[in-house]
Amino acid sequence: MSIFSDARQNKGKVLTEKDVPMIRHECIKVYGWDWWNTVGLGELFEQLPLVMEDKNKKESLRLCSLKFYGVKNPE
């Protein structure tokens, strides 16, 4: 479970400076470097749930694919 899903589930959790590299990595991985350079901070936090949803979908697809190919414990 990632810090972003924790933050959504537990309203008391606050994102800190240590979370910024993880946010940056996930955003660049999903949308690319050009998007990261042009997006503002407000838009970044608006898009963050969508970025994490895309990440979770990709991980689900990866796990389903591994199960299809016969991997017993794909995690």
C-alpha atoms as a PDB file:
ATOM      1  CA  MET A   1       0.000   0.000   0.000  1.00  0.00           C
ATOM      2  CA  SER A   2       1.380   3.372  -0.920  1.00  0.00           C
ATOM      3  CA  ILE A   3       1.448   6.592   1.044  1.00  0.00           C
ATOM      4  CA  PHE A   4      -1.119   8.145  -1.298  1.00  0.00           C
ATOM      5  CA  SER A   5      -3.772   5.533  -0.678  1.00  0.00           C
ATOM      6  CA  ASP A   6      -2.975   5.804   3.048  1.00  0.00           C
ATOM      7  CA  ALA A   7      -3.498   9.566   2.850  1.00  0.00           C
ATOM      8  CA  ARG A   8      -6.873   9.131   1.182  1.00  0.00           C
ATOM      9  CA  GLN A   9      -8.071   6.481   3.643  1.00  0.00           C
ATOM     10  CA  ASN A  10      -6.712   8.097   6.783  1.00  0.00           C
ATOM     11  CA  LYS A  11      -7.571  11.800   6.769  1.00  0.00           C
ATOM     12  CA  GLY A  12      -5.090  12.451   9.601  1.00  0.00           C
ATOM     13  CA  LYS A  13      -2.074  11.530   7.418  1.00  0.00           C
ATOM     14  CA  VAL A  14      -0.251  14.552   6.017  1.00  0.00           C
ATOM     15  CA  LEU A  15       2.152  14.480   3.092  1.00  0.00           C
ATOM     16  CA  THR A  16       5.627  15.694   4.068  1.00  0.00           C
ATOM     17  CA  GLU A  17       8.774  16.816   2.261  1.00  0.00           C
ATOM     18  CA  LYS A  18      10.001  13.224   2.280  1.00  0.00           C
ATOM     19  CA  ASP A  19       7.009  12.214   0.136  1.00  0.00           C
ATOM     20  CA  VAL A  20       7.851  14.651  -2.693  1.00  0.00           C
ATOM     21  CA  PRO A  21      10.445  12.402  -4.422  1.00  0.00           C
ATOM     22  CA  MET A  22       7.935   9.547  -4.500  1.00  0.00           C
ATOM     23  CA  ILE A  23       5.218  11.825  -5.897  1.00  0.00           C
ATOM     24  CA  ARG A  24       7.644  13.154  -8.517  1.00  0.00           C
ATOM     25  CA  HIS A  25       8.725   9.647  -9.527  1.00  0.00           C
ATOM     26  CA  GLU A  26       5.163   8.388  -9.929  1.00  0.00           C
ATOM     27  CA  CYS A  27       4.045  11.436 -11.926  1.00  0.00           C
ATOM     28  CA  ILE A  28       7.006  11.271 -14.290  1.00  0.00           C
ATOM     29  CA  LYS A  29       6.516   7.531 -14.722  1.00  0.00           C
ATOM     30  CA  VAL A  30       2.845   7.939 -15.657  1.00  0.00           C
ATOM     31  CA  TYR A  31       2.788  11.243 -17.578  1.00  0.00           C
ATOM     32  CA  GLY A  32       6.400  11.860 -18.617  1.00  0.00           C
ATOM     33  CA  TRP A  33       9.053  14.471 -17.985  1.00  0.00           C
ATOM     34  CA  ASP A  34       7.432  17.194 -20.115  1.00  0.00           C
ATOM     35  CA  TRP A  35       4.242  17.075 -18.072  1.00  0.00           C
ATOM     36  CA  TRP A  36       6.199  17.389 -14.816  1.00  0.00           C
ATOM     37  CA  ASN A  37       7.967  20.525 -16.039  1.00  0.00           C
ATOM     38  CA  THR A  38       4.742  22.292 -17.078  1.00  0.00           C
ATOM     39  CA  VAL A  39       2.343  21.381 -14.267  1.00  0.00           C
ATOM     40  CA  GLY A  40       1.704  23.696 -11.336  1.00  0.00           C
ATOM     41  CA  LEU A  41       1.503  22.595  -7.723  1.00  0.00           C
ATOM     42  CA  GLY A  42      -2.289  22.916  -7.563  1.00  0.00           C
ATOM     43  CA  GLU A  43      -2.779  20.815 -10.678  1.00  0.00           C
ATOM     44  CA  LEU A  44      -0.266  18.279  -9.378  1.00  0.00           C
ATOM     45  CA  PHE A  45      -2.323  17.617  -6.274  1.00  0.00           C
ATOM     46  CA  GLU A  46      -5.532  17.529  -8.344  1.00  0.00           C
ATOM     47  CA  GLN A  47      -4.018  14.901 -10.645  1.00  0.00           C
ATOM     48  CA  LEU A  48      -2.379  12.833  -7.910  1.00  0.00           C
ATOM     49  CA  PRO A  49      -5.361  10.507  -7.293  1.00  0.00           C
ATOM     50  CA  LEU A  50      -5.548   9.820 -11.039  1.00  0.00           C
ATOM     51  CA  VAL A  51      -1.818   9.094 -11.191  1.00  0.00           C
ATOM     52  CA  MET A  52      -2.140   6.627  -8.345  1.00  0.00           C
ATOM     53  CA  GLU A  53      -5.208   5.023  -9.950  1.00  0.00           C
ATOM     54  CA  ASP A  54      -3.211   4.483 -13.168  1.00  0.00           C
ATOM     55  CA  LYS A  55      -0.361   3.012 -11.139  1.00  0.00           C
ATOM     56  CA  ASN A  56      -2.710   0.619  -9.341  1.00  0.00           C
ATOM     57  CA  LYS A  57      -4.291  -0.476 -12.636  1.00  0.00           C
ATOM     58  CA  LYS A  58      -0.862  -1.234 -14.123  1.00  0.00           C
ATOM     59  CA  GLU A  59       0.100  -3.225 -11.042  1.00  0.00           C
ATOM     60  CA  SER A  60      -3.178  -5.192 -11.209  1.00  0.00           C
ATOM     61  CA  LEU A  61      -2.548  -5.986 -14.868  1.00  0.00           C
ATOM     62  CA  ARG A  62       0.993  -7.108 -14.063  1.00  0.00           C
ATOM     63  CA  LEU A  63      -0.217  -9.425 -11.297  1.00  0.00           C
ATOM     64  CA  CYS A  64      -3.014 -10.868 -13.461  1.00  0.00           C
ATOM     65  CA  SER A  65      -0.554 -11.491 -16.285  1.00  0.00           C
ATOM     66  CA  LEU A  66       1.865 -13.276 -13.986  1.00  0.00           C
ATOM     67  CA  LYS A  67      -0.948 -15.435 -12.591  1.00  0.00           C
ATOM     68  CA  PHE A  68      -2.027 -16.283 -16.148  1.00  0.00           C
ATOM     69  CA  TYR A  69       1.498 -17.466 -16.953  1.00  0.00           C
ATOM     70  CA  GLY A  70       1.483 -19.714 -13.887  1.00  0.00           C
ATOM     71  CA  VAL A  71       3.498 -17.774 -11.319  1.00  0.00           C
ATOM     72  CA  LYS A  72       2.272 -19.008  -7.941  1.00  0.00           C
ATOM     73  CA  ASN A  73       3.048 -15.938  -5.815  1.00  0.00           C
ATOM     74  CA  PRO A  74       3.424 -13.019  -8.235  1.00  0.00           C
ATOM     75  CA  GLU A  75       3.777 -10.322  -5.597  1.00  0.00           C
END
